[in-house]
């Protein structure tokens, strides 16, 4: 894979990622409790859910939307990730809930 990832490459990468290769930034660690999102929800979404949408932010950074199971489908779980090319790990940069209406307008 190249360093300039495309949507197909990130989708394939997400399907094969192992839990020990998911890394959380300090920002995520500080904010997730305030946002009502648990580590388990984020990791479970990445490992077991099919993304609802993927948007490329830059070369290896993507915004991935998953169904947010904890909230009666009113919200999507948005996880902004970056692929660490050398270590083949996935860095979770930020995560937040977004009203599902924003996706299905």
PDB file of N, CA and C in Angstrom:
ATOM      1  N   UNK A   1       0.838  -1.187   0.000  1.00  0.00           N
ATOM      2  CA  UNK A   1       0.000   0.000   0.000  1.00  0.00           C
ATOM      3  C   UNK A   1       0.880   1.247   0.000  1.00  0.00           C
ATOM      4  N   UNK A   2       0.378   2.255  -0.627  1.00  0.00           N
ATOM      5  CA  UNK A   2       1.112   3.518  -0.678  1.00  0.00           C
ATOM      6  C   UNK A   2       0.873   4.331   0.586  1.00  0.00           C
ATOM      7  N   UNK A   3       1.649   5.410   0.740  1.00  0.00           N
ATOM      8  CA  UNK A   3       1.438   6.285   1.897  1.00  0.00           C
ATOM      9  C   UNK A   3       0.230   7.177   1.698  1.00  0.00           C
ATOM     10  N   UNK A   4      -0.163   7.415   0.454  1.00  0.00           N
ATOM     11  CA  UNK A   4      -1.383   8.164   0.160  1.00  0.00           C
ATOM     12  C   UNK A   4      -2.508   7.150  -0.001  1.00  0.00           C
ATOM     13  N   UNK A   5      -3.165   6.876   1.098  1.00  0.00           N
ATOM     14  CA  UNK A   5      -4.181   5.823   1.139  1.00  0.00           C
ATOM     15  C   UNK A   5      -5.449   6.262   0.432  1.00  0.00           C
ATOM     16  N   UNK A   6      -6.165   5.289  -0.138  1.00  0.00           N
ATOM     17  CA  UNK A   6      -7.472   5.585  -0.695  1.00  0.00           C
ATOM     18  C   UNK A   6      -8.538   4.873   0.142  1.00  0.00           C
ATOM     19  N   UNK A   7      -9.787   5.103  -0.194  1.00  0.00           N
ATOM     20  CA  UNK A   7     -10.909   4.560   0.580  1.00  0.00           C
ATOM     21  C   UNK A   7     -10.877   3.031   0.605  1.00  0.00           C
ATOM     22  N   UNK A   8     -10.547   2.413  -0.509  1.00  0.00           N
ATOM     23  CA  UNK A   8     -10.513   0.948  -0.573  1.00  0.00           C
ATOM     24  C   UNK A   8      -9.420   0.383   0.326  1.00  0.00           C
ATOM     25  N   UNK A   9      -8.273   1.052   0.360  1.00  0.00           N
ATOM     26  CA  UNK A   9      -7.175   0.590   1.205  1.00  0.00           C
ATOM     27  C   UNK A   9      -7.528   0.706   2.686  1.00  0.00           C
ATOM     28  N   UNK A  10      -8.137   1.814   3.088  1.00  0.00           N
ATOM     29  CA  UNK A  10      -8.480   1.962   4.504  1.00  0.00           C
ATOM     30  C   UNK A  10      -9.572   0.974   4.894  1.00  0.00           C
ATOM     31  N   UNK A  11     -10.517   0.716   4.008  1.00  0.00           N
ATOM     32  CA  UNK A  11     -11.565  -0.260   4.304  1.00  0.00           C
ATOM     33  C   UNK A  11     -10.960  -1.647   4.508  1.00  0.00           C
ATOM     34  N   UNK A  12     -10.049  -2.027   3.658  1.00  0.00           N
ATOM     35  CA  UNK A  12      -9.365  -3.311   3.794  1.00  0.00           C
ATOM     36  C   UNK A  12      -8.536  -3.345   5.084  1.00  0.00           C
ATOM     37  N   UNK A  13      -7.855  -2.256   5.380  1.00  0.00           N
ATOM     38  CA  UNK A  13      -7.047  -2.158   6.594  1.00  0.00           C
ATOM     39  C   UNK A  13      -7.920  -2.304   7.830  1.00  0.00           C
ATOM     40  N   UNK A  14      -9.075  -1.644   7.848  1.00  0.00           N
ATOM     41  CA  UNK A  14      -9.991  -1.722   8.991  1.00  0.00           C
ATOM     42  C   UNK A  14     -10.516  -3.138   9.190  1.00  0.00           C
ATOM     43  N   UNK A  15     -10.738  -3.858   8.107  1.00  0.00           N
ATOM     44  CA  UNK A  15     -11.250  -5.236   8.205  1.00  0.00           C
ATOM     45  C   UNK A  15     -10.226  -6.167   8.844  1.00  0.00           C
ATOM     46  N   UNK A  16      -8.930  -5.859   8.681  1.00  0.00           N
ATOM     47  CA  UNK A  16      -7.880  -6.757   9.149  1.00  0.00           C
ATOM     48  C   UNK A  16      -7.141  -6.282  10.396  1.00  0.00           C
ATOM     49  N   UNK A  17      -7.503  -5.123  10.925  1.00  0.00           N
ATOM     50  CA  UNK A  17      -6.780  -4.562  12.067  1.00  0.00           C
ATOM     51  C   UNK A  17      -6.980  -5.417  13.321  1.00  0.00           C
ATOM     52  N   UNK A  18      -5.914  -5.545  14.103  1.00  0.00           N
ATOM     53  CA  UNK A  18      -6.002  -6.251  15.377  1.00  0.00           C
ATOM     54  C   UNK A  18      -6.159  -5.231  16.497  1.00  0.00           C
ATOM     55  N   UNK A  19      -6.764  -5.651  17.592  1.00  0.00           N
ATOM     56  CA  UNK A  19      -7.014  -4.739  18.707  1.00  0.00           C
ATOM     57  C   UNK A  19      -5.727  -4.131  19.251  1.00  0.00           C
ATOM     58  N   UNK A  20      -4.644  -4.899  19.278  1.00  0.00           N
ATOM     59  CA  UNK A  20      -3.387  -4.380  19.828  1.00  0.00           C
ATOM     60  C   UNK A  20      -2.724  -3.349  18.909  1.00  0.00           C
ATOM     61  N   UNK A  21      -3.264  -3.131  17.725  1.00  0.00           N
ATOM     62  CA  UNK A  21      -2.736  -2.147  16.782  1.00  0.00           C
ATOM     63  C   UNK A  21      -3.575  -0.861  16.760  1.00  0.00           C
ATOM     64  N   UNK A  22      -4.553  -0.756  17.681  1.00  0.00           N
ATOM     65  CA  UNK A  22      -5.368   0.451  17.789  1.00  0.00           C
ATOM     66  C   UNK A  22      -4.809   1.296  18.935  1.00  0.00           C
ATOM     67  N   UNK A  23      -4.400   2.526  18.609  1.00  0.00           N
ATOM     68  CA  UNK A  23      -3.753   3.427  19.564  1.00  0.00           C
ATOM     69  C   UNK A  23      -4.629   4.665  19.734  1.00  0.00           C
ATOM     70  N   UNK A  24      -4.788   5.114  20.968  1.00  0.00           N
ATOM     71  CA  UNK A  24      -5.586   6.304  21.257  1.00  0.00           C
ATOM     72  C   UNK A  24      -4.688   7.489  21.586  1.00  0.00           C
ATOM     73  N   UNK A  25      -4.995   8.653  21.006  1.00  0.00           N
ATOM     74  CA  UNK A  25      -4.244   9.866  21.328  1.00  0.00           C
ATOM     75  C   UNK A  25      -4.675  10.385  22.699  1.00  0.00           C
ATOM     76  N   UNK A  26      -3.883  11.290  23.239  1.00  0.00           N
ATOM     77  CA  UNK A  26      -4.228  11.919  24.510  1.00  0.00           C
ATOM     78  C   UNK A  26      -5.546  12.666  24.434  1.00  0.00           C
ATOM     79  N   UNK A  27      -5.817  13.282  23.288  1.00  0.00           N
ATOM     80  CA  UNK A  27      -7.072  14.013  23.092  1.00  0.00           C
ATOM     81  C   UNK A  27      -8.265  13.083  23.288  1.00  0.00           C
ATOM     82  N   UNK A  28      -8.213  11.911  22.696  1.00  0.00           N
ATOM     83  CA  UNK A  28      -9.321  10.951  22.826  1.00  0.00           C
ATOM     84  C   UNK A  28      -9.473  10.538  24.277  1.00  0.00           C
ATOM     85  N   UNK A  29      -8.368  10.242  24.924  1.00  0.00           N
ATOM     86  CA  UNK A  29      -8.411   9.812  26.320  1.00  0.00           C
ATOM     87  C   UNK A  29      -9.039  10.873  27.213  1.00  0.00           C
ATOM     88  N   UNK A  30      -8.799  12.136  26.908  1.00  0.00           N
ATOM     89  CA  UNK A  30      -9.364  13.228  27.709  1.00  0.00           C
ATOM     90  C   UNK A  30     -10.855  13.436  27.445  1.00  0.00           C
ATOM     91  N   UNK A  31     -11.294  13.258  26.206  1.00  0.00           N
ATOM     92  CA  UNK A  31     -12.628  13.690  25.808  1.00  0.00           C
ATOM     93  C   UNK A  31     -13.712  12.619  25.807  1.00  0.00           C
ATOM     94  N   UNK A  32     -13.362  11.336  25.688  1.00  0.00           N
ATOM     95  CA  UNK A  32     -14.422  10.354  25.460  1.00  0.00           C
ATOM     96  C   UNK A  32     -15.409  10.230  26.623  1.00  0.00           C
ATOM     97  N   UNK A  33     -14.918  10.355  27.840  1.00  0.00           N
ATOM     98  CA  UNK A  33     -15.839  10.256  28.977  1.00  0.00           C
ATOM     99  C   UNK A  33     -16.846  11.402  28.950  1.00  0.00           C
ATOM    100  N   UNK A  34     -16.368  12.613  28.676  1.00  0.00           N
ATOM    101  CA  UNK A  34     -17.265  13.770  28.587  1.00  0.00           C
ATOM    102  C   UNK A  34     -18.295  13.599  27.473  1.00  0.00           C
ATOM    103  N   UNK A  35     -17.924  12.883  26.425  1.00  0.00           N
ATOM    104  CA  UNK A  35     -18.799  12.701  25.268  1.00  0.00           C
ATOM    105  C   UNK A  35     -19.678  11.465  25.372  1.00  0.00           C
ATOM    106  N   UNK A  36     -19.567  10.735  26.473  1.00  0.00           N
ATOM    107  CA  UNK A  36     -20.420   9.571  26.682  1.00  0.00           C
ATOM    108  C   UNK A  36     -20.094   8.406  25.760  1.00  0.00           C
ATOM    109  N   UNK A  37     -18.817   8.243  25.475  1.00  0.00           N
ATOM    110  CA  UNK A  37     -18.369   7.164  24.595  1.00  0.00           C
ATOM    111  C   UNK A  37     -17.305   6.372  25.349  1.00  0.00           C
ATOM    112  N   UNK A  38     -17.393   5.053  25.295  1.00  0.00           N
ATOM    113  CA  UNK A  38     -16.404   4.228  25.995  1.00  0.00           C
ATOM    114  C   UNK A  38     -15.350   3.698  25.028  1.00  0.00           C
ATOM    115  N   UNK A  39     -14.203   3.334  25.584  1.00  0.00           N
ATOM    116  CA  UNK A  39     -13.154   2.695  24.782  1.00  0.00           C
ATOM    117  C   UNK A  39     -13.709   1.454  24.094  1.00  0.00           C
ATOM    118  N   UNK A  40     -14.464   0.660  24.868  1.00  0.00           N
ATOM    119  CA  UNK A  40     -15.013  -0.587  24.321  1.00  0.00           C
ATOM    120  C   UNK A  40     -15.914  -0.326  23.120  1.00  0.00           C
ATOM    121  N   UNK A  41     -16.701   0.734  23.173  1.00  0.00           N
ATOM    122  CA  UNK A  41     -17.575   1.068  22.048  1.00  0.00           C
ATOM    123  C   UNK A  41     -16.750   1.406  20.812  1.00  0.00           C
ATOM    124  N   UNK A  42     -15.704   2.174  20.991  1.00  0.00           N
ATOM    125  CA  UNK A  42     -14.845   2.563  19.861  1.00  0.00           C
ATOM    126  C   UNK A  42     -14.153   1.340  19.269  1.00  0.00           C
ATOM    127  N   UNK A  43     -13.510   0.570  20.122  1.00  0.00           N
ATOM    128  CA  UNK A  43     -12.779  -0.606  19.652  1.00  0.00           C
ATOM    129  C   UNK A  43     -13.731  -1.610  19.011  1.00  0.00           C
ATOM    130  N   UNK A  44     -14.862  -1.872  19.640  1.00  0.00           N
ATOM    131  CA  UNK A  44     -15.836  -2.809  19.094  1.00  0.00           C
ATOM    132  C   UNK A  44     -16.335  -2.345  17.726  1.00  0.00           C
ATOM    133  N   UNK A  45     -16.574  -1.049  17.586  1.00  0.00           N
ATOM    134  CA  UNK A  45     -17.027  -0.519  16.294  1.00  0.00           C
ATOM    135  C   UNK A  45     -15.976  -0.745  15.213  1.00  0.00           C
ATOM    136  N   UNK A  46     -14.724  -0.439  15.534  1.00  0.00           N
ATOM    137  CA  UNK A  46     -13.644  -0.600  14.557  1.00  0.00           C
ATOM    138  C   UNK A  46     -13.471  -2.067  14.176  1.00  0.00           C
ATOM    139  N   UNK A  47     -13.513  -2.947  15.161  1.00  0.00           N
ATOM    140  CA  UNK A  47     -13.249  -4.363  14.906  1.00  0.00           C
ATOM    141  C   UNK A  47     -14.437  -5.117  14.312  1.00  0.00           C
ATOM    142  N   UNK A  48     -15.663  -4.721  14.663  1.00  0.00           N
ATOM    143  CA  UNK A  48     -16.819  -5.561  14.333  1.00  0.00           C
ATOM    144  C   UNK A  48     -17.909  -4.927  13.477  1.00  0.00           C
ATOM    145  N   UNK A  49     -17.898  -3.627  13.318  1.00  0.00           N
ATOM    146  CA  UNK A  49     -18.963  -2.970  12.570  1.00  0.00           C
ATOM    147  C   UNK A  49     -18.497  -2.590  11.167  1.00  0.00           C
ATOM    148  N   UNK A  50     -19.437  -2.585  10.249  1.00  0.00           N
ATOM    149  CA  UNK A  50     -19.177  -2.101   8.901  1.00  0.00           C
ATOM    150  C   UNK A  50     -19.390  -0.595   8.902  1.00  0.00           C
ATOM    151  N   UNK A  51     -18.425   0.179   8.410  1.00  0.00           N
ATOM    152  CA  UNK A  51     -18.606   1.634   8.387  1.00  0.00           C
ATOM    153  C   UNK A  51     -19.818   2.054   7.563  1.00  0.00           C
ATOM    154  N   UNK A  52     -20.508   3.077   8.040  1.00  0.00           N
ATOM    155  CA  UNK A  52     -21.631   3.659   7.301  1.00  0.00           C
ATOM    156  C   UNK A  52     -21.127   4.634   6.249  1.00  0.00           C
ATOM    157  N   UNK A  53     -19.979   5.262   6.525  1.00  0.00           N
ATOM    158  CA  UNK A  53     -19.390   6.232   5.603  1.00  0.00           C
ATOM    159  C   UNK A  53     -17.914   6.392   5.941  1.00  0.00           C
ATOM    160  N   UNK A  54     -17.127   6.682   4.902  1.00  0.00           N
ATOM    161  CA  UNK A  54     -15.709   6.975   5.084  1.00  0.00           C
ATOM    162  C   UNK A  54     -15.390   8.201   4.246  1.00  0.00           C
ATOM    163  N   UNK A  55     -14.722   9.164   4.875  1.00  0.00           N
ATOM    164  CA  UNK A  55     -14.340  10.393   4.191  1.00  0.00           C
ATOM    165  C   UNK A  55     -12.842  10.610   4.378  1.00  0.00           C
ATOM    166  N   UNK A  56     -12.138  10.826   3.283  1.00  0.00           N
ATOM    167  CA  UNK A  56     -10.696  11.051   3.352  1.00  0.00           C
ATOM    168  C   UNK A  56     -10.433  12.489   3.796  1.00  0.00           C
ATOM    169  N   UNK A  57      -9.575  12.655   4.807  1.00  0.00           N
ATOM    170  CA  UNK A  57      -9.228  13.974   5.332  1.00  0.00           C
ATOM    171  C   UNK A  57      -7.911  14.484   4.754  1.00  0.00           C
ATOM    172  N   UNK A  58      -6.930  13.601   4.672  1.00  0.00           N
ATOM    173  CA  UNK A  58      -5.657  13.883   3.992  1.00  0.00           C
ATOM    174  C   UNK A  58      -5.010  12.554   3.632  1.00  0.00           C
ATOM    175  N   UNK A  59      -3.711  12.494   3.423  1.00  0.00           N
ATOM    176  CA  UNK A  59      -3.040  11.308   2.886  1.00  0.00           C
ATOM    177  C   UNK A  59      -3.406  10.003   3.585  1.00  0.00           C
ATOM    178  N   UNK A  60      -3.338   9.986   4.896  1.00  0.00           N
ATOM    179  CA  UNK A  60      -3.612   8.739   5.616  1.00  0.00           C
ATOM    180  C   UNK A  60      -4.567   8.962   6.794  1.00  0.00           C
ATOM    181  N   UNK A  61      -5.360  10.007   6.727  1.00  0.00           N
ATOM    182  CA  UNK A  61      -6.308  10.357   7.787  1.00  0.00           C
ATOM    183  C   UNK A  61      -7.726  10.293   7.222  1.00  0.00           C
ATOM    184  N   UNK A  62      -8.614   9.610   7.963  1.00  0.00           N
ATOM    185  CA  UNK A  62      -9.975   9.385   7.494  1.00  0.00           C
ATOM    186  C   UNK A  62     -10.979   9.613   8.610  1.00  0.00           C
ATOM    187  N   UNK A  63     -12.163  10.076   8.224  1.00  0.00           N
ATOM    188  CA  UNK A  63     -13.301  10.174   9.139  1.00  0.00           C
ATOM    189  C   UNK A  63     -14.202   8.987   8.820  1.00  0.00           C
ATOM    190  N   UNK A  64     -14.405   8.127   9.808  1.00  0.00           N
ATOM    191  CA  UNK A  64     -15.185   6.910   9.613  1.00  0.00           C
ATOM    192  C   UNK A  64     -16.421   6.984  10.507  1.00  0.00           C
ATOM    193  N   UNK A  65     -17.589   6.737   9.914  1.00  0.00           N
ATOM    194  CA  UNK A  65     -18.840   6.750  10.688  1.00  0.00           C
ATOM    195  C   UNK A  65     -19.341   5.321  10.867  1.00  0.00           C
ATOM    196  N   UNK A  66     -19.709   5.036  12.114  1.00  0.00           N
ATOM    197  CA  UNK A  66     -20.255   3.731  12.479  1.00  0.00           C
ATOM    198  C   UNK A  66     -21.631   3.930  13.123  1.00  0.00           C
ATOM    199  N   UNK A  67     -22.466   2.891  13.119  1.00  0.00           N
ATOM    200  CA  UNK A  67     -23.706   3.007  13.894  1.00  0.00           C
ATOM    201  C   UNK A  67     -23.354   3.091  15.382  1.00  0.00           C
ATOM    202  N   UNK A  68     -24.009   3.986  16.094  1.00  0.00           N
ATOM    203  CA  UNK A  68     -23.767   4.138  17.531  1.00  0.00           C
ATOM    204  C   UNK A  68     -24.832   3.344  18.254  1.00  0.00           C
ATOM    205  N   UNK A  69     -24.493   2.147  18.656  1.00  0.00           N
ATOM    206  CA  UNK A  69     -25.447   1.180  19.201  1.00  0.00           C
ATOM    207  C   UNK A  69     -26.051   1.598  20.534  1.00  0.00           C
ATOM    208  N   UNK A  70     -25.389   2.470  21.275  1.00  0.00           N
ATOM    209  CA  UNK A  70     -25.845   2.825  22.618  1.00  0.00           C
ATOM    210  C   UNK A  70     -26.960   3.868  22.637  1.00  0.00           C
ATOM    211  N   UNK A  71     -27.415   4.337  21.484  1.00  0.00           N
ATOM    212  CA  UNK A  71     -28.292   5.491  21.513  1.00  0.00           C
ATOM    213  C   UNK A  71     -29.491   5.405  20.581  1.00  0.00           C
ATOM    214  N   UNK A  72     -30.104   4.244  20.477  1.00  0.00           N
ATOM    215  CA  UNK A  72     -31.345   4.070  19.717  1.00  0.00           C
ATOM    216  C   UNK A  72     -31.276   4.640  18.302  1.00  0.00           C
ATOM    217  N   UNK A  73     -30.140   4.564  17.658  1.00  0.00           N
ATOM    218  CA  UNK A  73     -29.946   4.963  16.260  1.00  0.00           C
ATOM    219  C   UNK A  73     -30.139   6.453  15.984  1.00  0.00           C
ATOM    220  N   UNK A  74     -30.176   7.292  17.006  1.00  0.00           N
ATOM    221  CA  UNK A  74     -30.282   8.737  16.774  1.00  0.00           C
ATOM    222  C   UNK A  74     -28.937   9.350  16.400  1.00  0.00           C
ATOM    223  N   UNK A  75     -27.864   8.633  16.725  1.00  0.00           N
ATOM    224  CA  UNK A  75     -26.526   9.159  16.485  1.00  0.00           C
ATOM    225  C   UNK A  75     -25.655   8.146  15.748  1.00  0.00           C
ATOM    226  N   UNK A  76     -24.711   8.682  14.999  1.00  0.00           N
ATOM    227  CA  UNK A  76     -23.625   7.890  14.447  1.00  0.00           C
ATOM    228  C   UNK A  76     -22.416   8.117  15.342  1.00  0.00           C
ATOM    229  N   UNK A  77     -21.519   7.150  15.375  1.00  0.00           N
ATOM    230  CA  UNK A  77     -20.245   7.309  16.058  1.00  0.00           C
ATOM    231  C   UNK A  77     -19.220   7.682  15.000  1.00  0.00           C
ATOM    232  N   UNK A  78     -18.638   8.854  15.124  1.00  0.00           N
ATOM    233  CA  UNK A  78     -17.612   9.317  14.191  1.00  0.00           C
ATOM    234  C   UNK A  78     -16.255   9.072  14.837  1.00  0.00           C
ATOM    235  N   UNK A  79     -15.387   8.398  14.096  1.00  0.00           N
ATOM    236  CA  UNK A  79     -14.040   8.109  14.577  1.00  0.00           C
ATOM    237  C   UNK A  79     -13.067   8.618  13.524  1.00  0.00           C
ATOM    238  N   UNK A  80     -12.255   9.605  13.890  1.00  0.00           N
ATOM    239  CA  UNK A  80     -11.238  10.125  12.983  1.00  0.00           C
ATOM    240  C   UNK A  80      -9.954   9.365  13.280  1.00  0.00           C
ATOM    241  N   UNK A  81      -9.411   8.724  12.237  1.00  0.00           N
ATOM    242  CA  UNK A  81      -8.252   7.857  12.406  1.00  0.00           C
ATOM    243  C   UNK A  81      -7.148   8.228  11.427  1.00  0.00           C
ATOM    244  N   UNK A  82      -5.938   7.863  11.804  1.00  0.00           N
ATOM    245  CA  UNK A  82      -4.787   8.003  10.912  1.00  0.00           C
ATOM    246  C   UNK A  82      -4.066   6.665  10.885  1.00  0.00           C
ATOM    247  N   UNK A  83      -3.629   6.282   9.712  1.00  0.00           N
ATOM    248  CA  UNK A  83      -2.866   5.052   9.566  1.00  0.00           C
ATOM    249  C   UNK A  83      -1.391   5.370   9.779  1.00  0.00           C
ATOM    250  N   UNK A  84      -0.789   4.668  10.707  1.00  0.00           N
ATOM    251  CA  UNK A  84       0.642   4.788  10.944  1.00  0.00           C
ATOM    252  C   UNK A  84       1.325   3.782  10.025  1.00  0.00           C
ATOM    253  N   UNK A  85       1.879   4.290   8.938  1.00  0.00           N
ATOM    254  CA  UNK A  85       2.410   3.439   7.875  1.00  0.00           C
ATOM    255  C   UNK A  85       3.506   2.489   8.351  1.00  0.00           C
ATOM    256  N   UNK A  86       4.439   2.985   9.131  1.00  0.00           N
ATOM    257  CA  UNK A  86       5.598   2.186   9.551  1.00  0.00           C
ATOM    258  C   UNK A  86       5.186   1.058  10.488  1.00  0.00           C
ATOM    259  N   UNK A  87       4.356   1.375  11.487  1.00  0.00           N
ATOM    260  CA  UNK A  87       3.973   0.375  12.494  1.00  0.00           C
ATOM    261  C   UNK A  87       2.718  -0.396  12.124  1.00  0.00           C
ATOM    262  N   UNK A  88       2.068  -0.006  11.032  1.00  0.00           N
ATOM    263  CA  UNK A  88       0.809  -0.624  10.591  1.00  0.00           C
ATOM    264  C   UNK A  88      -0.236  -0.592  11.706  1.00  0.00           C
ATOM    265  N   UNK A  89      -0.259   0.538  12.430  1.00  0.00           N
ATOM    266  CA  UNK A  89      -1.246   0.704  13.496  1.00  0.00           C
ATOM    267  C   UNK A  89      -2.248   1.787  13.092  1.00  0.00           C
ATOM    268  N   UNK A  90      -3.331   1.822  13.829  1.00  0.00           N
ATOM    269  CA  UNK A  90      -4.399   2.772  13.582  1.00  0.00           C
ATOM    270  C   UNK A  90      -4.468   3.723  14.765  1.00  0.00           C
ATOM    271  N   UNK A  91      -4.205   4.998  14.528  1.00  0.00           N
ATOM    272  CA  UNK A  91      -4.244   5.992  15.597  1.00  0.00           C
ATOM    273  C   UNK A  91      -5.620   6.650  15.596  1.00  0.00           C
ATOM    274  N   UNK A  92      -6.337   6.533  16.708  1.00  0.00           N
ATOM    275  CA  UNK A  92      -7.625   7.196  16.864  1.00  0.00           C
ATOM    276  C   UNK A  92      -7.336   8.608  17.345  1.00  0.00           C
ATOM    277  N   UNK A  93      -7.664   9.592  16.490  1.00  0.00           N
ATOM    278  CA  UNK A  93      -7.335  10.994  16.756  1.00  0.00           C
ATOM    279  C   UNK A  93      -8.426  11.671  17.571  1.00  0.00           C
ATOM    280  N   UNK A  94      -9.666  11.437  17.195  1.00  0.00           N
ATOM    281  CA  UNK A  94     -10.800  11.964  17.944  1.00  0.00           C
ATOM    282  C   UNK A  94     -12.024  11.116  17.636  1.00  0.00           C
ATOM    283  N   UNK A  95     -13.018  11.245  18.471  1.00  0.00           N
ATOM    284  CA  UNK A  95     -14.272  10.539  18.254  1.00  0.00           C
ATOM    285  C   UNK A  95     -15.394  11.347  18.898  1.00  0.00           C
ATOM    286  N   UNK A  96     -16.545  11.297  18.280  1.00  0.00           N
ATOM    287  CA  UNK A  96     -17.695  12.037  18.796  1.00  0.00           C
ATOM    288  C   UNK A  96     -18.977  11.463  18.204  1.00  0.00           C
ATOM    289  N   UNK A  97     -20.096  11.823  18.833  1.00  0.00           N
ATOM    290  CA  UNK A  97     -21.405  11.432  18.310  1.00  0.00           C
ATOM    291  C   UNK A  97     -21.880  12.523  17.368  1.00  0.00           C
ATOM    292  N   UNK A  98     -22.549  12.086  16.297  1.00  0.00           N
ATOM    293  CA  UNK A  98     -23.106  13.035  15.331  1.00  0.00           C
ATOM    294  C   UNK A  98     -24.521  12.606  15.006  1.00  0.00           C
ATOM    295  N   UNK A  99     -25.427  13.565  15.004  1.00  0.00           N
ATOM    296  CA  UNK A  99     -26.829  13.243  14.715  1.00  0.00           C
ATOM    297  C   UNK A  99     -26.940  12.534  13.385  1.00  0.00           C
ATOM    298  N   UNK A 100     -27.670  11.436  13.361  1.00  0.00           N
ATOM    299  CA  UNK A 100     -27.815  10.627  12.160  1.00  0.00           C
ATOM    300  C   UNK A 100     -28.423  11.443  11.004  1.00  0.00           C
ATOM    301  N   UNK A 101     -29.175  12.488  11.330  1.00  0.00           N
ATOM    302  CA  UNK A 101     -29.794  13.319  10.298  1.00  0.00           C
ATOM    303  C   UNK A 101     -28.744  13.997   9.407  1.00  0.00           C
ATOM    304  N   UNK A 102     -27.568  14.224   9.948  1.00  0.00           N
ATOM    305  CA  UNK A 102     -26.508  14.861   9.155  1.00  0.00           C
ATOM    306  C   UNK A 102     -26.061  13.950   8.007  1.00  0.00           C
ATOM    307  N   UNK A 103     -26.127  12.627   8.233  1.00  0.00           N
ATOM    308  CA  UNK A 103     -25.724  11.667   7.217  1.00  0.00           C
ATOM    309  C   UNK A 103     -26.842  11.379   6.230  1.00  0.00           C
ATOM    310  N   UNK A 104     -28.071  11.335   6.675  1.00  0.00           N
ATOM    311  CA  UNK A 104     -29.184  10.880   5.829  1.00  0.00           C
ATOM    312  C   UNK A 104     -30.053  12.002   5.282  1.00  0.00           C
ATOM    313  N   UNK A 105     -29.616  13.223   5.372  1.00  0.00           N
ATOM    314  CA  UNK A 105     -30.430  14.353   4.942  1.00  0.00           C
ATOM    315  C   UNK A 105     -31.089  14.161   3.627  1.00  0.00           C
TER     316      UNK A 105
END
